[in-house]
Protein backbone atom coordinates (compact mmCIF):
# COMPACT_ATOMS: atom_id res chain seq x y z
CA MET A 1 0.00 0.00 0.00
CA PHE A 2 2.78 2.47 0.94
CA ARG A 3 4.70 1.64 -2.23
CA ARG A 4 1.65 2.23 -4.42
CA ARG A 5 1.04 5.54 -2.68
CA ILE A 6 4.62 6.64 -3.39
CA GLN A 7 4.27 5.61 -7.04
CA HIS A 8 1.00 7.56 -7.30
CA VAL A 9 2.62 10.69 -5.85
CA LEU A 10 5.58 10.39 -8.24
CA VAL A 11 3.30 10.04 -11.27
CA ARG A 12 1.31 13.12 -10.30
CA THR A 13 4.45 15.14 -9.51
CA LEU A 14 6.48 14.19 -12.57
CA GLY A 15 3.43 14.49 -14.79
CA TRP A 16 2.66 18.09 -13.77
CA LEU A 17 4.56 19.81 -16.60
CA PRO A 18 3.39 17.43 -19.38
CA ALA A 19 -0.15 17.89 -18.06
CA GLN A 20 0.16 21.66 -18.37
CA LEU A 21 1.41 21.35 -21.94
CA TYR A 22 -1.35 18.90 -22.77
CA GLY A 23 -3.90 21.33 -21.35
CA LEU A 24 -2.60 24.14 -23.53
CA VAL A 25 -2.96 22.01 -26.66
CA VAL A 26 -6.49 20.86 -25.75
CA ARG A 27 -7.67 24.40 -24.92
CA ALA A 28 -6.17 25.74 -28.14
CA ARG A 29 -8.05 23.11 -30.14
CA HIS A 30 -11.35 23.98 -28.47
CA ARG A 31 -10.69 27.66 -29.09
CA LEU A 32 -10.26 27.02 -32.81
CA TYR A 33 -13.67 25.32 -32.93
CA ASP A 34 -15.36 27.88 -30.66
CA THR A 35 -14.24 30.77 -32.86
CA GLY A 36 -15.17 29.02 -36.10
CA ILE A 37 -11.62 28.73 -37.43
CA LEU A 38 -12.16 24.99 -37.49
CA PRO A 39 -15.62 24.11 -38.84
CA SER A 40 -18.31 22.43 -36.74
CA GLN A 41 -21.69 21.48 -38.13
CA GLU A 42 -24.83 19.52 -37.35
CA GLY A 43 -25.15 16.03 -38.72
CA ALA A 44 -27.48 14.74 -41.40
CA LEU A 45 -29.66 13.33 -38.61
CA PRO A 46 -30.38 14.70 -35.13
CA THR A 47 -27.81 13.39 -32.67
CA LEU A 48 -27.66 12.64 -28.98
CA VAL A 49 -23.94 12.69 -28.20
CA LEU A 50 -22.48 10.89 -25.19
CA GLY A 51 -19.01 11.38 -23.81
CA ASN A 52 -16.78 11.84 -20.81
CA LEU A 53 -13.75 13.84 -19.73
CA THR A 54 -11.75 10.93 -18.32
CA VAL A 55 -9.95 7.94 -19.77
CA GLY A 56 -11.27 4.52 -18.96
CA GLY A 57 -14.82 3.30 -18.63
CA THR A 58 -17.56 5.52 -17.27
CA GLY A 59 -20.45 3.35 -18.34
CA LYS A 60 -21.00 4.85 -21.83
CA THR A 61 -22.07 1.60 -23.47
CA PRO A 62 -24.73 0.66 -20.88
CA LEU A 63 -26.00 4.25 -20.98
CA THR A 64 -26.12 4.14 -24.77
CA GLU A 65 -28.32 1.05 -24.51
CA ARG A 66 -30.54 2.72 -21.89
CA LEU A 67 -31.01 5.89 -23.95
CA VAL A 68 -31.75 3.99 -27.16
CA LEU A 69 -34.53 2.11 -25.35
CA ASP A 70 -35.89 5.39 -23.97
CA LEU A 71 -35.77 7.01 -27.40
CA GLU A 72 -37.52 4.01 -28.95
CA ASN A 73 -40.32 4.44 -26.41
CA ILE A 74 -40.73 8.04 -27.56
CA LEU A 75 -40.13 7.73 -31.31
CA GLY A 76 -40.96 4.11 -32.04
CA LYS A 77 -38.91 1.00 -32.72
CA GLY A 78 -36.74 1.10 -35.80
CA THR A 79 -36.35 4.88 -35.74
CA VAL A 80 -33.20 5.11 -33.57
CA GLY A 81 -29.64 4.43 -34.65
CA ILE A 82 -26.23 4.18 -32.97
CA LEU A 83 -23.02 5.52 -34.47
CA SER A 84 -19.62 4.67 -33.00
CA ARG A 85 -16.09 4.95 -34.30
CA GLY A 86 -15.63 1.23 -33.56
CA TYR A 87 -12.60 1.41 -31.30
CA GLY A 88 -10.25 -1.57 -31.64
CA ARG A 89 -11.53 -2.80 -35.01
CA ASP A 90 -9.21 -3.84 -37.82
CA THR A 91 -11.31 -2.13 -40.49
CA SER A 92 -11.86 1.52 -41.41
CA GLY A 93 -14.57 3.64 -42.94
CA PHE A 94 -18.32 3.20 -42.68
CA GLN A 95 -20.01 -0.12 -42.16
CA TRP A 96 -23.21 -1.47 -40.66
CA VAL A 97 -22.93 -3.70 -37.60
CA THR A 98 -25.03 -6.84 -37.16
CA PRO A 99 -25.24 -9.44 -34.39
CA GLN A 100 -23.10 -11.67 -36.62
CA SER A 101 -20.31 -9.06 -36.94
CA THR A 102 -17.04 -9.73 -35.16
CA SER A 103 -15.14 -7.39 -32.86
CA ALA A 104 -12.30 -7.29 -35.42
CA GLU A 105 -14.74 -6.01 -38.03
CA ALA A 106 -16.62 -3.45 -35.94
CA GLY A 107 -15.24 -3.21 -32.38
CA ASP A 108 -16.53 -5.05 -29.33
CA GLU A 109 -18.98 -2.43 -28.00
CA PRO A 110 -20.88 -1.83 -31.28
CA VAL A 111 -21.26 -5.59 -31.77
CA MET A 112 -22.53 -5.98 -28.21
CA LEU A 113 -25.08 -3.22 -28.78
CA ALA A 114 -26.19 -4.78 -32.07
CA ARG A 115 -26.84 -8.03 -30.24
CA LYS A 116 -28.75 -6.41 -27.38
CA LEU A 117 -30.83 -3.91 -29.37
CA PRO A 118 -32.58 -5.72 -32.22
CA TYR A 119 -34.49 -2.67 -33.46
CA ALA A 120 -31.57 -0.22 -33.49
CA ALA A 121 -29.51 0.42 -36.62
CA VAL A 122 -25.87 0.23 -35.49
CA ALA A 123 -23.02 1.60 -37.59
CA VAL A 124 -19.35 2.47 -37.19
CA CYS A 125 -17.41 5.28 -38.86
CA GLU A 126 -14.49 7.34 -37.58
CA ASP A 127 -15.89 10.37 -39.44
CA ARG A 128 -19.17 11.02 -37.63
CA LEU A 129 -20.48 13.49 -40.24
CA GLN A 130 -19.87 11.05 -43.05
CA GLY A 131 -21.38 8.22 -41.03
CA LEU A 132 -24.56 10.19 -40.35
CA GLU A 133 -24.97 10.93 -44.04
CA ARG A 134 -24.72 7.24 -44.89
CA MET A 135 -27.19 6.34 -42.16
CA ARG A 136 -29.70 8.93 -43.42
CA ASP A 137 -29.35 7.84 -47.04
CA GLU A 138 -29.49 4.09 -46.44
CA ARG A 139 -31.99 3.99 -43.55
CA PRO A 140 -34.59 6.71 -44.25
CA GLU A 141 -36.72 5.50 -41.33
CA LEU A 142 -34.12 6.76 -38.83
CA ARG A 143 -35.08 9.88 -36.89
CA TRP A 144 -32.37 10.17 -34.20
CA VAL A 145 -28.89 8.72 -33.72
CA VAL A 146 -27.01 8.18 -30.46
CA CYS A 147 -23.31 8.91 -30.98
CA ASP A 148 -21.22 6.93 -28.52
CA ASP A 149 -18.10 8.66 -27.17
CA ALA A 150 -18.26 11.71 -29.46
CA PHE A 151 -18.02 14.56 -26.92
CA GLN A 152 -14.51 15.40 -28.17
CA HIS A 153 -15.47 15.03 -31.86
CA ARG A 154 -15.85 18.77 -32.36
CA ALA A 155 -16.43 18.59 -36.12
CA LEU A 156 -19.94 17.39 -35.24
CA LYS A 157 -22.22 19.90 -33.56
CA PRO A 158 -24.52 17.74 -31.41
CA THR A 159 -28.25 18.27 -31.22
CA ILE A 160 -28.14 17.16 -27.58
CA SER A 161 -24.98 16.39 -25.61
CA ILE A 162 -24.74 14.43 -22.37
CA LEU A 163 -21.58 14.27 -20.29
CA LEU A 164 -20.94 11.21 -18.13
CA ILE A 165 -19.17 11.38 -14.78
CA ASP A 166 -18.27 8.16 -12.99
CA SER A 167 -19.27 8.49 -9.33
CA THR A 168 -16.06 6.69 -8.36
CA GLN A 169 -13.91 9.12 -10.40
CA PRO A 170 -15.12 12.69 -9.74
CA ILE A 171 -13.51 15.17 -12.12
CA ALA A 172 -13.22 17.97 -9.55
CA SER A 173 -10.33 16.23 -7.78
CA ASP A 174 -8.67 14.87 -10.94
CA ARG A 175 -5.89 16.22 -13.18
CA LEU A 176 -5.12 16.21 -16.86
CA LEU A 177 -3.08 13.42 -18.43
CA PRO A 178 -0.50 12.19 -17.65
CA ALA A 179 -0.71 13.46 -14.06
CA GLY A 180 -4.32 12.28 -13.75
CA ARG A 181 -7.10 10.65 -15.76
CA LEU A 182 -8.62 13.69 -17.47
CA ARG A 183 -8.37 13.59 -21.26
CA ASP A 184 -10.23 16.88 -21.63
CA VAL A 185 -10.27 20.14 -19.68
CA PRO A 186 -12.82 20.32 -16.83
CA GLU A 187 -14.45 23.50 -18.18
CA ARG A 188 -15.70 21.55 -21.20
CA ALA A 189 -18.41 20.19 -18.93
CA MET A 190 -20.20 23.52 -19.35
CA ALA A 191 -20.89 22.68 -23.01
CA ALA A 192 -23.07 19.68 -22.12
CA ASP A 193 -26.87 19.93 -22.11
CA ALA A 194 -27.01 17.52 -19.17
CA ILE A 195 -24.75 15.50 -16.91
CA VAL A 196 -25.30 11.87 -15.96
CA VAL A 197 -23.49 10.54 -12.90
CA THR A 198 -22.96 6.82 -13.44
CA ARG A 199 -22.41 3.83 -11.16
CA LEU A 200 -24.27 5.27 -8.20
CA ASP A 201 -25.59 3.12 -5.39
CA ASP A 202 -29.18 3.39 -4.17
CA ILE A 203 -28.50 6.46 -2.03
CA HIS A 204 -30.13 9.57 -3.51
CA GLY A 205 -27.91 12.52 -2.62
CA ASP A 206 -27.38 15.98 -4.04
CA LEU A 207 -25.62 15.09 -7.29
CA ARG A 208 -24.99 18.70 -8.27
CA ALA A 209 -23.28 19.62 -5.02
CA THR A 210 -21.19 16.45 -4.99
CA TYR A 211 -20.14 16.03 -8.62
CA ALA A 212 -20.70 19.27 -10.57
CA PRO A 213 -21.19 22.27 -8.27
CA THR A 214 -20.42 24.80 -11.02
CA PHE A 215 -22.66 23.22 -13.67
CA PRO A 216 -25.35 25.74 -14.73
CA ALA A 217 -28.45 25.47 -12.55
CA HIS A 218 -30.81 25.44 -15.55
CA LYS A 219 -29.18 22.28 -16.91
CA PRO A 220 -30.16 18.96 -15.30
CA ILE A 221 -28.02 16.33 -13.60
CA PHE A 222 -29.27 12.75 -13.58
CA GLY A 223 -27.98 9.57 -11.96
CA THR A 224 -27.75 5.94 -13.01
CA HIS A 225 -26.77 2.70 -11.35
CA MET A 226 -25.67 -0.60 -12.82
CA GLU A 227 -27.64 -3.80 -12.41
CA THR A 228 -26.25 -7.23 -13.16
CA ASP A 229 -28.38 -9.87 -14.85
CA PRO A 230 -28.15 -13.67 -14.49
CA LEU A 231 -25.26 -15.34 -16.27
CA LEU A 232 -25.78 -16.65 -19.78
CA ALA A 233 -23.95 -19.45 -21.59
CA TRP A 234 -21.91 -18.70 -24.71
CA PRO A 235 -22.63 -19.49 -27.45
CA GLY A 236 -26.40 -19.63 -27.40
CA ASP A 237 -27.13 -16.91 -24.81
CA VAL A 238 -29.11 -19.39 -22.70
CA PRO A 239 -29.54 -19.22 -18.90
CA CYS A 240 -26.97 -21.18 -16.92
CA ALA A 241 -25.67 -21.68 -13.37
CA ASN A 242 -25.05 -18.37 -11.59
CA GLY A 243 -23.07 -19.60 -8.61
CA ASP A 244 -24.27 -19.83 -5.03
CA GLU A 245 -23.52 -17.12 -2.49
CA ASN A 246 -25.17 -19.19 0.24
CA ALA A 247 -22.86 -22.17 -0.20
CA SER A 248 -19.66 -22.37 1.79
CA PRO A 249 -16.67 -21.14 -0.28
CA ASP A 250 -15.16 -24.61 -0.60
CA ARG A 251 -18.39 -25.98 -2.10
CA ARG A 252 -18.88 -23.31 -4.74
CA GLU A 253 -18.15 -23.92 -8.42
CA ARG A 254 -14.51 -23.42 -9.37
CA ILE A 255 -14.02 -20.96 -12.21
CA LEU A 256 -11.53 -19.01 -14.30
CA ALA A 257 -12.44 -15.30 -14.42
CA VAL A 258 -11.39 -13.43 -17.58
CA ALA A 259 -11.85 -9.70 -18.23
CA GLY A 260 -10.39 -7.19 -20.66
CA ILE A 261 -12.24 -4.09 -19.48
CA SER A 262 -11.48 -0.93 -17.55
CA ARG A 263 -11.11 -1.79 -13.84
CA PRO A 264 -11.73 -5.56 -14.13
CA GLU A 265 -11.33 -6.05 -10.39
CA ARG A 266 -14.93 -4.93 -9.80
CA PHE A 267 -16.21 -7.74 -11.99
CA MET A 268 -13.92 -10.38 -10.50
CA ASP A 269 -14.63 -9.38 -6.90
CA ARG A 270 -18.33 -9.64 -7.64
CA LEU A 271 -17.87 -13.21 -8.89
CA ALA A 272 -15.92 -14.10 -5.75
CA GLY A 273 -19.13 -13.79 -3.76
CA ARG A 274 -20.70 -16.70 -5.66
CA PHE A 275 -17.84 -18.83 -6.99
CA GLN A 276 -14.40 -20.10 -6.12
CA VAL A 277 -12.38 -17.84 -8.43
CA VAL A 278 -9.39 -20.15 -8.80
CA ARG A 279 -7.70 -18.14 -11.56
CA ARG A 280 -7.99 -14.48 -12.59
CA GLU A 281 -6.80 -13.16 -15.93
CA ALA A 282 -7.10 -9.39 -16.43
CA PHE A 283 -6.21 -7.64 -19.69
CA SER A 284 -6.24 -4.08 -20.96
CA ASP A 285 -9.54 -2.65 -22.15
CA HIS A 286 -10.62 -3.89 -25.63
CA ARG A 287 -7.72 -6.35 -25.73
CA ALA A 288 -8.08 -8.67 -28.73
CA PHE A 289 -7.95 -12.24 -27.49
CA THR A 290 -5.79 -14.64 -29.50
CA ALA A 291 -5.74 -18.31 -30.37
CA ASN A 292 -2.97 -18.75 -27.80
CA ASP A 293 -5.25 -17.25 -25.13
CA PHE A 294 -7.97 -19.75 -25.98
CA LYS A 295 -5.54 -22.68 -25.85
CA ARG A 296 -4.14 -21.49 -22.48
CA TRP A 297 -7.59 -21.12 -20.98
CA ARG A 298 -8.50 -24.64 -22.07
CA ARG A 299 -5.34 -25.99 -20.41
CA ILE A 300 -6.15 -24.07 -17.22
CA VAL A 301 -9.74 -25.34 -17.14
CA ASP A 302 -8.54 -28.92 -17.70
CA SER A 303 -5.57 -28.90 -15.34
CA ASP A 304 -7.36 -27.13 -12.47
CA ARG A 305 -10.59 -29.05 -13.04
CA LEU A 306 -12.65 -25.90 -13.30
CA HIS A 307 -16.35 -25.82 -14.00
CA ALA A 308 -16.34 -22.81 -16.32
CA LEU A 309 -14.70 -19.71 -17.70
CA VAL A 310 -16.73 -16.65 -16.67
CA THR A 311 -16.29 -13.32 -18.45
CA THR A 312 -18.04 -10.02 -19.09
CA GLU A 313 -20.66 -9.21 -21.67
CA LYS A 314 -18.22 -7.05 -23.62
CA ASP A 315 -15.41 -9.62 -23.48
CA VAL A 316 -17.53 -12.48 -24.76
CA VAL A 317 -17.88 -10.57 -28.03
CA ARG A 318 -14.16 -11.24 -28.53
CA MET A 319 -14.59 -14.98 -27.96
CA PRO A 320 -14.99 -17.38 -30.92
CA LEU A 321 -18.54 -17.47 -32.29
CA ASP A 322 -18.59 -21.24 -31.74
CA GLY A 323 -17.02 -21.04 -28.29
CA ILE A 324 -13.86 -22.78 -27.09
CA ASP A 325 -13.87 -26.54 -27.55
CA GLY A 326 -14.19 -28.29 -24.21
CA VAL A 327 -14.69 -25.10 -22.16
CA SER A 328 -17.98 -24.01 -20.62
CA ILE A 329 -18.18 -20.22 -21.15
CA ARG A 330 -20.54 -18.01 -19.18
CA TYR A 331 -20.87 -14.23 -19.24
CA GLU A 332 -22.51 -11.59 -17.09
CA PRO A 333 -24.89 -9.14 -18.79
CA MET A 334 -25.33 -5.71 -17.19
CA HIS A 335 -27.61 -2.77 -17.81
CA ALA A 336 -28.00 0.79 -16.57
CA GLU A 337 -31.09 2.08 -14.79
CA TRP A 338 -32.05 5.66 -13.98
CA GLN A 339 -32.05 6.69 -10.35
CA GLU A 340 -35.03 8.95 -11.04
CA PRO A 341 -36.64 7.82 -14.33
CA HIS A 342 -39.62 10.12 -13.76
CA GLU A 343 -37.21 13.08 -14.08
CA LEU A 344 -35.08 11.94 -17.02
CA ARG A 345 -37.77 10.72 -19.40
CA PRO A 346 -39.90 13.90 -19.45
CA TRP A 347 -36.72 15.94 -20.01
CA LEU A 348 -35.66 13.69 -22.88
CA ARG A 349 -39.11 13.86 -24.46
CA ALA A 350 -39.08 17.65 -24.21
CA GLN A 351 -35.66 17.80 -25.88
CA ILE A 352 -36.87 15.63 -28.75
CA GLU A 353 -40.04 17.65 -29.26
CA GLU A 354 -38.10 20.94 -29.24
CA ARG A 355 -35.79 19.65 -31.97
CA PRO A 356 -37.85 18.01 -34.72
CA SER A 357 -36.10 15.51 -36.95
CA ASP A 358 -36.34 17.69 -40.04
CA SER A 359 -34.15 20.35 -38.39
CA ALA A 360 -30.97 18.35 -38.95
CA GLY A 361 -28.39 19.20 -41.53
CA THR A 362 -28.46 22.95 -41.02
CA SER A 363 -25.39 24.80 -39.90
């Protein structure tokens, strides 16, 4: 613990000057867009843009799913799309994403969303403006598009923008890279139409005072919490054994836990309450699993006589479509829920009604 504290202090101290230089570059870029020197324009379809100021996961993908479902309730099924850059894919340019797409083709998160949201049109394109044009031309039934992780994509002027703040990583006490975890300057929060504080527990506190005290009073702050769903077997997505928290630890199923996400310890610690987590393998976020990984996991499962490999919903997208021969694979779905849905949904409806679909495309 003491050694980690010293390392943390050294990183923050030695990173102070690079962080200042980084901040100058980021602020200069925003200034170029704010003054019109660099162009920014609305997309071919109305957009709800999600983003954050920090590196690492803040729950954007679960919130994207939640907002698409809310928009579908307002606008109708089949009228809402999702546009992502497709981080981690081996391809480039525009392409549609289907449940049969692979993470190498489209990125793990877009494929996961395509599998979970059967009525949403999911696409990837690093150029958001170009992607929106293709979506409008090829899917004329679309009325709104949720743009995942596009808060820093200043070439696109969002119709609505929502900034995410992880409740476990408040931005007020953080610093810019590399001294901290901020990838954008804190004052950029003022540009958002609303803030969503993610990963809250069931305690309803004053979100504004705790997480964004300087955020304009006329703009709302909402909260979400994550809920885990029963484990599913892969492939097939069928219900399977979920472990037993009531059994004594030595009688629980023995598993290998695998995760390539931001902060995988939360997932693995959660499993430890229901299983004997005999082996843990943590990787960097979006890490592309290899054939050697699959062979190693099979050897581990066989040699340690484990019941299953358990992974996350995002990681299972990077598993083979036909599974791993001889290995029982289970994964844990998760979804986001609003702390106060009776506050968010009327606000969202009002935003949609104030910005009709035919207003898109104007500068």
